[in-house]
Amino acid sequence: MTAPKQEKWSKDNAHQLDTKTICAIGAVFDF
């Protein structure tokens, strides 16, 4: 979601997410 929005969103919502690992990867999708 672009930095630092993706890191903030992941931190704020991690407790609600049913996932083992969260990776904020930003521009990797663009590449």
PDB file of all heavy atoms in Angstrom:
ATOM      1  N   MET A   1       0.820  -1.222   0.000  1.00  0.00           N
ATOM      2  CA  MET A   1       0.000   0.000   0.000  1.00  0.00           C
ATOM      3  C   MET A   1       0.846   1.262   0.000  1.00  0.00           C
ATOM      4  O   MET A   1       0.324   2.322   0.291  1.00  0.00           O
ATOM      5  CB  MET A   1      -0.885   0.047   1.253  1.00  0.00           C
ATOM      6  CG  MET A   1      -1.889  -1.033   1.399  1.00  0.00           C
ATOM      7  SD  MET A   1      -2.746  -0.772   2.968  1.00  0.00           S
ATOM      8  CE  MET A   1      -3.906  -2.106   2.938  1.00  0.00           C
ATOM      9  N   THR A   2       2.088   1.194  -0.232  1.00  0.00           N
ATOM     10  CA  THR A   2       3.095   2.255  -0.097  1.00  0.00           C
ATOM     11  C   THR A   2       3.508   2.399   1.368  1.00  0.00           C
ATOM     12  O   THR A   2       2.704   2.149   2.283  1.00  0.00           O
ATOM     13  CB  THR A   2       2.647   3.641  -0.621  1.00  0.00           C
ATOM     14  OG1 THR A   2       1.677   4.216   0.238  1.00  0.00           O
ATOM     15  CG2 THR A   2       2.126   3.573  -2.056  1.00  0.00           C
ATOM     16  N   ALA A   3       4.747   2.776   1.557  1.00  0.00           N
ATOM     17  CA  ALA A   3       5.275   2.983   2.907  1.00  0.00           C
ATOM     18  C   ALA A   3       4.977   4.416   3.331  1.00  0.00           C
ATOM     19  O   ALA A   3       5.010   5.311   2.490  1.00  0.00           O
ATOM     20  CB  ALA A   3       6.777   2.732   2.913  1.00  0.00           C
ATOM     21  N   PRO A   4       4.692   4.662   4.564  1.00  0.00           N
ATOM     22  CA  PRO A   4       4.583   3.764   5.695  1.00  0.00           C
ATOM     23  C   PRO A   4       3.152   3.277   5.942  1.00  0.00           C
ATOM     24  O   PRO A   4       2.879   2.627   6.929  1.00  0.00           O
ATOM     25  CB  PRO A   4       5.062   4.615   6.857  1.00  0.00           C
ATOM     26  CG  PRO A   4       4.570   5.988   6.519  1.00  0.00           C
ATOM     27  CD  PRO A   4       4.691   6.070   5.006  1.00  0.00           C
ATOM     28  N   LYS A   5       2.223   3.590   4.992  1.00  0.00           N
ATOM     29  CA  LYS A   5       0.818   3.198   5.195  1.00  0.00           C
ATOM     30  C   LYS A   5       0.672   1.689   5.390  1.00  0.00           C
ATOM     31  O   LYS A   5      -0.070   1.240   6.261  1.00  0.00           O
ATOM     32  CB  LYS A   5      -0.038   3.670   4.020  1.00  0.00           C
ATOM     33  CG  LYS A   5      -1.506   3.333   4.180  1.00  0.00           C
ATOM     34  CD  LYS A   5      -2.392   4.054   3.181  1.00  0.00           C
ATOM     35  CE  LYS A   5      -2.352   3.387   1.848  1.00  0.00           C
ATOM     36  NZ  LYS A   5      -3.334   3.944   0.902  1.00  0.00           N
ATOM     37  N   GLN A   6       1.391   0.902   4.585  1.00  0.00           N
ATOM     38  CA  GLN A   6       1.249  -0.557   4.677  1.00  0.00           C
ATOM     39  C   GLN A   6       1.738  -1.091   6.017  1.00  0.00           C
ATOM     40  O   GLN A   6       1.143  -1.999   6.585  1.00  0.00           O
ATOM     41  CB  GLN A   6       1.974  -1.238   3.521  1.00  0.00           C
ATOM     42  CG  GLN A   6       3.463  -0.991   3.531  1.00  0.00           C
ATOM     43  CD  GLN A   6       4.124  -1.277   2.207  1.00  0.00           C
ATOM     44  OE1 GLN A   6       3.456  -1.474   1.195  1.00  0.00           O
ATOM     45  NE2 GLN A   6       5.439  -1.321   2.199  1.00  0.00           N
ATOM     46  N   GLU A   7       2.809  -0.526   6.550  1.00  0.00           N
ATOM     47  CA  GLU A   7       3.317  -0.966   7.851  1.00  0.00           C
ATOM     48  C   GLU A   7       2.345  -0.576   8.964  1.00  0.00           C
ATOM     49  O   GLU A   7       2.072  -1.366   9.873  1.00  0.00           O
ATOM     50  CB  GLU A   7       4.698  -0.370   8.128  1.00  0.00           C
ATOM     51  CG  GLU A   7       5.811  -0.923   7.267  1.00  0.00           C
ATOM     52  CD  GLU A   7       5.916  -0.285   5.882  1.00  0.00           C
ATOM     53  OE1 GLU A   7       5.202   0.706   5.605  1.00  0.00           O
ATOM     54  OE2 GLU A   7       6.702  -0.791   5.068  1.00  0.00           O
ATOM     55  N   LYS A   8       1.830   0.643   8.894  1.00  0.00           N
ATOM     56  CA  LYS A   8       0.873   1.097   9.916  1.00  0.00           C
ATOM     57  C   LYS A   8      -0.411   0.275   9.860  1.00  0.00           C
ATOM     58  O   LYS A   8      -0.929  -0.150  10.895  1.00  0.00           O
ATOM     59  CB  LYS A   8       0.556   2.588   9.716  1.00  0.00           C
ATOM     60  CG  LYS A   8       1.713   3.498  10.052  1.00  0.00           C
ATOM     61  CD  LYS A   8       1.365   4.941   9.772  1.00  0.00           C
ATOM     62  CE  LYS A   8       2.516   5.857  10.084  1.00  0.00           C
ATOM     63  NZ  LYS A   8       2.211   7.267   9.765  1.00  0.00           N
ATOM     64  N   TRP A   9      -0.914   0.045   8.642  1.00  0.00           N
ATOM     65  CA  TRP A   9      -2.143  -0.736   8.504  1.00  0.00           C
ATOM     66  C   TRP A   9      -1.934  -2.156   9.034  1.00  0.00           C
ATOM     67  O   TRP A   9      -2.783  -2.681   9.762  1.00  0.00           O
ATOM     68  CB  TRP A   9      -2.611  -0.770   7.042  1.00  0.00           C
ATOM     69  CG  TRP A   9      -3.932  -1.449   6.912  1.00  0.00           C
ATOM     70  CD1 TRP A   9      -5.165  -0.857   6.990  1.00  0.00           C
ATOM     71  CD2 TRP A   9      -4.174  -2.842   6.749  1.00  0.00           C
ATOM     72  NE1 TRP A   9      -6.155  -1.806   6.874  1.00  0.00           N
ATOM     73  CE2 TRP A   9      -5.560  -3.050   6.723  1.00  0.00           C
ATOM     74  CE3 TRP A   9      -3.352  -3.964   6.618  1.00  0.00           C
ATOM     75  CZ2 TRP A   9      -6.153  -4.293   6.572  1.00  0.00           C
ATOM     76  CZ3 TRP A   9      -3.931  -5.212   6.478  1.00  0.00           C
ATOM     77  CH2 TRP A   9      -5.309  -5.374   6.447  1.00  0.00           C
ATOM     78  N   SER A  10      -0.814  -2.760   8.692  1.00  0.00           N
ATOM     79  CA  SER A  10      -0.526  -4.127   9.150  1.00  0.00           C
ATOM     80  C   SER A  10      -0.463  -4.191  10.667  1.00  0.00           C
ATOM     81  O   SER A  10      -1.037  -5.098  11.287  1.00  0.00           O
ATOM     82  CB  SER A  10       0.797  -4.618   8.552  1.00  0.00           C
ATOM     83  OG  SER A  10       0.702  -4.703   7.153  1.00  0.00           O
ATOM     84  N   LYS A  11       0.216  -3.232  11.285  1.00  0.00           N
ATOM     85  CA  LYS A  11       0.334  -3.202  12.746  1.00  0.00           C
ATOM     86  C   LYS A  11      -1.034  -2.984  13.395  1.00  0.00           C
ATOM     87  O   LYS A  11      -1.392  -3.685  14.344  1.00  0.00           O
ATOM     88  CB  LYS A  11       1.295  -2.092  13.176  1.00  0.00           C
ATOM     89  CG  LYS A  11       1.449  -1.955  14.678  1.00  0.00           C
ATOM     90  CD  LYS A  11       2.348  -0.772  15.010  1.00  0.00           C
ATOM     91  CE  LYS A  11       2.446  -0.529  16.489  1.00  0.00           C
ATOM     92  NZ  LYS A  11       1.228   0.042  17.070  1.00  0.00           N
ATOM     93  N   ASP A  12      -1.805  -2.052  12.867  1.00  0.00           N
ATOM     94  CA  ASP A  12      -3.109  -1.729  13.457  1.00  0.00           C
ATOM     95  C   ASP A  12      -4.127  -2.861  13.318  1.00  0.00           C
ATOM     96  O   ASP A  12      -5.065  -2.953  14.110  1.00  0.00           O
ATOM     97  CB  ASP A  12      -3.690  -0.466  12.820  1.00  0.00           C
ATOM     98  CG  ASP A  12      -2.906   0.787  13.182  1.00  0.00           C
ATOM     99  OD1 ASP A  12      -2.092   0.739  14.137  1.00  0.00           O
ATOM    100  OD2 ASP A  12      -3.091   1.815  12.495  1.00  0.00           O
ATOM    101  N   ASN A  13      -3.970  -3.698  12.298  1.00  0.00           N
ATOM    102  CA  ASN A  13      -4.978  -4.728  12.032  1.00  0.00           C
ATOM    103  C   ASN A  13      -4.501  -6.150  12.267  1.00  0.00           C
ATOM    104  O   ASN A  13      -5.281  -7.091  12.117  1.00  0.00           O
ATOM    105  CB  ASN A  13      -5.486  -4.579  10.594  1.00  0.00           C
ATOM    106  CG  ASN A  13      -6.254  -3.291  10.420  1.00  0.00           C
ATOM    107  OD1 ASN A  13      -7.408  -3.195  10.812  1.00  0.00           O
ATOM    108  ND2 ASN A  13      -5.605  -2.288   9.868  1.00  0.00           N
ATOM    109  N   ALA A  14      -3.253  -6.339  12.651  1.00  0.00           N
ATOM    110  CA  ALA A  14      -2.678  -7.686  12.815  1.00  0.00           C
ATOM    111  C   ALA A  14      -3.498  -8.537  13.780  1.00  0.00           C
ATOM    112  O   ALA A  14      -3.690  -9.735  13.540  1.00  0.00           O
ATOM    113  CB  ALA A  14      -1.233  -7.588  13.292  1.00  0.00           C
ATOM    114  N   HIS A  15      -4.005  -7.929  14.854  1.00  0.00           N
ATOM    115  CA  HIS A  15      -4.755  -8.697  15.856  1.00  0.00           C
ATOM    116  C   HIS A  15      -6.082  -9.245  15.320  1.00  0.00           C
ATOM    117  O   HIS A  15      -6.641 -10.172  15.880  1.00  0.00           O
ATOM    118  CB  HIS A  15      -5.001  -7.833  17.105  1.00  0.00           C
ATOM    119  CG  HIS A  15      -5.920  -6.676  16.858  1.00  0.00           C
ATOM    120  ND1 HIS A  15      -5.516  -5.537  16.187  1.00  0.00           N
ATOM    121  CD2 HIS A  15      -7.217  -6.500  17.160  1.00  0.00           C
ATOM    122  CE1 HIS A  15      -6.542  -4.698  16.105  1.00  0.00           C
ATOM    123  NE2 HIS A  15      -7.584  -5.260  16.700  1.00  0.00           N
ATOM    124  N   GLN A  16      -6.578  -8.685  14.210  1.00  0.00           N
ATOM    125  CA  GLN A  16      -7.836  -9.139  13.621  1.00  0.00           C
ATOM    126  C   GLN A  16      -7.637 -10.110  12.459  1.00  0.00           C
ATOM    127  O   GLN A  16      -8.601 -10.693  11.976  1.00  0.00           O
ATOM    128  CB  GLN A  16      -8.618  -7.941  13.062  1.00  0.00           C
ATOM    129  CG  GLN A  16      -8.960  -6.884  14.075  1.00  0.00           C
ATOM    130  CD  GLN A  16      -9.637  -5.727  13.377  1.00  0.00           C
ATOM    131  OE1 GLN A  16     -10.805  -5.829  13.006  1.00  0.00           O
ATOM    132  NE2 GLN A  16      -8.911  -4.641  13.175  1.00  0.00           N
ATOM    133  N   LEU A  17      -6.402 -10.262  12.003  1.00  0.00           N
ATOM    134  CA  LEU A  17      -6.137 -11.047  10.798  1.00  0.00           C
ATOM    135  C   LEU A  17      -5.796 -12.493  11.121  1.00  0.00           C
ATOM    136  O   LEU A  17      -4.954 -12.766  11.969  1.00  0.00           O
ATOM    137  CB  LEU A  17      -4.988 -10.410  10.000  1.00  0.00           C
ATOM    138  CG  LEU A  17      -5.282  -9.010   9.455  1.00  0.00           C
ATOM    139  CD1 LEU A  17      -4.008  -8.356   8.952  1.00  0.00           C
ATOM    140  CD2 LEU A  17      -6.331  -9.080   8.365  1.00  0.00           C
ATOM    141  N   ASP A  18      -6.447 -13.417  10.415  1.00  0.00           N
ATOM    142  CA  ASP A  18      -6.182 -14.850  10.577  1.00  0.00           C
ATOM    143  C   ASP A  18      -5.102 -15.265   9.589  1.00  0.00           C
ATOM    144  O   ASP A  18      -5.384 -15.907   8.571  1.00  0.00           O
ATOM    145  CB  ASP A  18      -7.462 -15.666  10.335  1.00  0.00           C
ATOM    146  CG  ASP A  18      -8.519 -15.390  11.385  1.00  0.00           C
ATOM    147  OD1 ASP A  18      -8.139 -15.069  12.524  1.00  0.00           O
ATOM    148  OD2 ASP A  18      -9.712 -15.495  11.063  1.00  0.00           O
ATOM    149  N   THR A  19      -3.880 -14.875   9.868  1.00  0.00           N
ATOM    150  CA  THR A  19      -2.741 -15.204   9.020  1.00  0.00           C
ATOM    151  C   THR A  19      -1.529 -15.426   9.914  1.00  0.00           C
ATOM    152  O   THR A  19      -1.458 -14.878  11.008  1.00  0.00           O
ATOM    153  CB  THR A  19      -2.479 -14.114   7.965  1.00  0.00           C
ATOM    154  OG1 THR A  19      -1.447 -14.534   7.093  1.00  0.00           O
ATOM    155  CG2 THR A  19      -2.096 -12.794   8.609  1.00  0.00           C
ATOM    156  N   LYS A  20      -0.593 -16.226   9.452  1.00  0.00           N
ATOM    157  CA  LYS A  20       0.588 -16.522  10.256  1.00  0.00           C
ATOM    158  C   LYS A  20       1.672 -15.458  10.082  1.00  0.00           C
ATOM    159  O   LYS A  20       2.407 -15.159  11.009  1.00  0.00           O
ATOM    160  CB  LYS A  20       1.147 -17.893   9.869  1.00  0.00           C
ATOM    161  CG  LYS A  20       0.185 -19.026  10.184  1.00  0.00           C
ATOM    162  CD  LYS A  20       0.712 -20.347   9.679  1.00  0.00           C
ATOM    163  CE  LYS A  20      -0.337 -21.418   9.980  1.00  0.00           C
ATOM    164  NZ  LYS A  20      -0.266 -22.534   9.089  1.00  0.00           N
ATOM    165  N   THR A  21       1.770 -14.903   8.879  1.00  0.00           N
ATOM    166  CA  THR A  21       2.842 -13.956   8.569  1.00  0.00           C
ATOM    167  C   THR A  21       2.286 -12.808   7.743  1.00  0.00           C
ATOM    168  O   THR A  21       1.514 -13.032   6.808  1.00  0.00           O
ATOM    169  CB  THR A  21       3.964 -14.658   7.772  1.00  0.00           C
ATOM    170  OG1 THR A  21       4.412 -15.791   8.507  1.00  0.00           O
ATOM    171  CG2 THR A  21       5.122 -13.732   7.510  1.00  0.00           C
ATOM    172  N   ILE A  22       2.709 -11.585   8.069  1.00  0.00           N
ATOM    173  CA  ILE A  22       2.342 -10.402   7.296  1.00  0.00           C
ATOM    174  C   ILE A  22       3.626  -9.784   6.774  1.00  0.00           C
ATOM    175  O   ILE A  22       4.538  -9.493   7.552  1.00  0.00           O
ATOM    176  CB  ILE A  22       1.574  -9.374   8.148  1.00  0.00           C
ATOM    177  CG1 ILE A  22       0.308  -9.993   8.730  1.00  0.00           C
ATOM    178  CG2 ILE A  22       1.251  -8.130   7.319  1.00  0.00           C
ATOM    179  CD1 ILE A  22      -0.409  -9.100   9.739  1.00  0.00           C
ATOM    180  N   CYS A  23       3.701  -9.573   5.461  1.00  0.00           N
ATOM    181  CA  CYS A  23       4.880  -8.955   4.836  1.00  0.00           C
ATOM    182  C   CYS A  23       4.447  -7.678   4.122  1.00  0.00           C
ATOM    183  O   CYS A  23       3.632  -7.733   3.206  1.00  0.00           O
ATOM    184  CB  CYS A  23       5.507  -9.895   3.812  1.00  0.00           C
ATOM    185  SG  CYS A  23       6.063 -11.452   4.466  1.00  0.00           S
ATOM    186  N   ALA A  24       4.978  -6.542   4.553  1.00  0.00           N
ATOM    187  CA  ALA A  24       4.719  -5.278   3.863  1.00  0.00           C
ATOM    188  C   ALA A  24       5.776  -5.157   2.764  1.00  0.00           C
ATOM    189  O   ALA A  24       6.954  -5.000   3.053  1.00  0.00           O
ATOM    190  CB  ALA A  24       4.805  -4.121   4.856  1.00  0.00           C
ATOM    191  N   ILE A  25       5.343  -5.258   1.508  1.00  0.00           N
ATOM    192  CA  ILE A  25       6.329  -5.357   0.421  1.00  0.00           C
ATOM    193  C   ILE A  25       6.325  -4.190  -0.547  1.00  0.00           C
ATOM    194  O   ILE A  25       7.194  -4.119  -1.413  1.00  0.00           O
ATOM    195  CB  ILE A  25       6.179  -6.686  -0.342  1.00  0.00           C
ATOM    196  CG1 ILE A  25       4.830  -6.787  -1.013  1.00  0.00           C
ATOM    197  CG2 ILE A  25       6.420  -7.859   0.575  1.00  0.00           C
ATOM    198  CD1 ILE A  25       4.710  -7.968  -1.926  1.00  0.00           C
ATOM    199  N   GLY A  26       5.378  -3.305  -0.458  1.00  0.00           N
ATOM    200  CA  GLY A  26       5.391  -2.082  -1.251  1.00  0.00           C
ATOM    201  C   GLY A  26       5.643  -2.237  -2.737  1.00  0.00           C
ATOM    202  O   GLY A  26       4.868  -2.842  -3.456  1.00  0.00           O
ATOM    203  N   ALA A  27       6.768  -1.702  -3.201  1.00  0.00           N
ATOM    204  CA  ALA A  27       7.067  -1.615  -4.632  1.00  0.00           C
ATOM    205  C   ALA A  27       7.321  -2.959  -5.300  1.00  0.00           C
ATOM    206  O   ALA A  27       7.392  -3.018  -6.524  1.00  0.00           O
ATOM    207  CB  ALA A  27       8.272  -0.703  -4.837  1.00  0.00           C
ATOM    208  N   VAL A  28       7.436  -4.024  -4.550  1.00  0.00           N
ATOM    209  CA  VAL A  28       7.670  -5.340  -5.160  1.00  0.00           C
ATOM    210  C   VAL A  28       6.574  -5.657  -6.173  1.00  0.00           C
ATOM    211  O   VAL A  28       6.857  -6.171  -7.258  1.00  0.00           O
ATOM    212  CB  VAL A  28       7.771  -6.444  -4.082  1.00  0.00           C
ATOM    213  CG1 VAL A  28       7.809  -7.821  -4.718  1.00  0.00           C
ATOM    214  CG2 VAL A  28       8.996  -6.225  -3.222  1.00  0.00           C
ATOM    215  N   PHE A  29       5.321  -5.343  -5.852  1.00  0.00           N
ATOM    216  CA  PHE A  29       4.233  -5.570  -6.801  1.00  0.00           C
ATOM    217  C   PHE A  29       4.471  -4.783  -8.086  1.00  0.00           C
ATOM    218  O   PHE A  29       4.255  -5.286  -9.181  1.00  0.00           O
ATOM    219  CB  PHE A  29       2.882  -5.173  -6.199  1.00  0.00           C
ATOM    220  CG  PHE A  29       2.375  -6.110  -5.140  1.00  0.00           C
ATOM    221  CD1 PHE A  29       1.884  -5.616  -3.948  1.00  0.00           C
ATOM    222  CD2 PHE A  29       2.372  -7.479  -5.333  1.00  0.00           C
ATOM    223  CE1 PHE A  29       1.396  -6.469  -2.972  1.00  0.00           C
ATOM    224  CE2 PHE A  29       1.884  -8.340  -4.366  1.00  0.00           C
ATOM    225  CZ  PHE A  29       1.394  -7.824  -3.175  1.00  0.00           C
ATOM    226  N   ASP A  30       4.894  -3.538  -7.959  1.00  0.00           N
ATOM    227  CA  ASP A  30       5.171  -2.706  -9.130  1.00  0.00           C
ATOM    228  C   ASP A  30       6.293  -3.288  -9.984  1.00  0.00           C
ATOM    229  O   ASP A  30       6.233  -3.269 -11.209  1.00  0.00           O
ATOM    230  CB  ASP A  30       5.530  -1.278  -8.709  1.00  0.00           C
ATOM    231  CG  ASP A  30       4.371  -0.570  -8.039  1.00  0.00           C
ATOM    232  OD1 ASP A  30       3.220  -0.753  -8.480  1.00  0.00           O
ATOM    233  OD2 ASP A  30       4.618   0.165  -7.065  1.00  0.00           O
ATOM    234  N   PHE A  31       7.327  -3.785  -9.323  1.00  0.00           N
ATOM    235  CA  PHE A  31       8.450  -4.363 -10.067  1.00  0.00           C
ATOM    236  C   PHE A  31       7.995  -5.577 -10.868  1.00  0.00           C
ATOM    237  O   PHE A  31       8.311  -5.714 -12.049  1.00  0.00           O
ATOM    238  CB  PHE A  31       9.591  -4.761  -9.131  1.00  0.00           C
ATOM    239  CG  PHE A  31      10.242  -3.602  -8.430  1.00  0.00           C
ATOM    240  CD1 PHE A  31      10.725  -3.749  -7.137  1.00  0.00           C
ATOM    241  CD2 PHE A  31      10.381  -2.364  -9.027  1.00  0.00           C
ATOM    242  CE1 PHE A  31      11.334  -2.704  -6.480  1.00  0.00           C
ATOM    243  CE2 PHE A  31      10.980  -1.296  -8.383  1.00  0.00           C
ATOM    244  CZ  PHE A  31      11.458  -1.471  -7.093  1.00  0.00           C
TER     245      PHE A  31
END
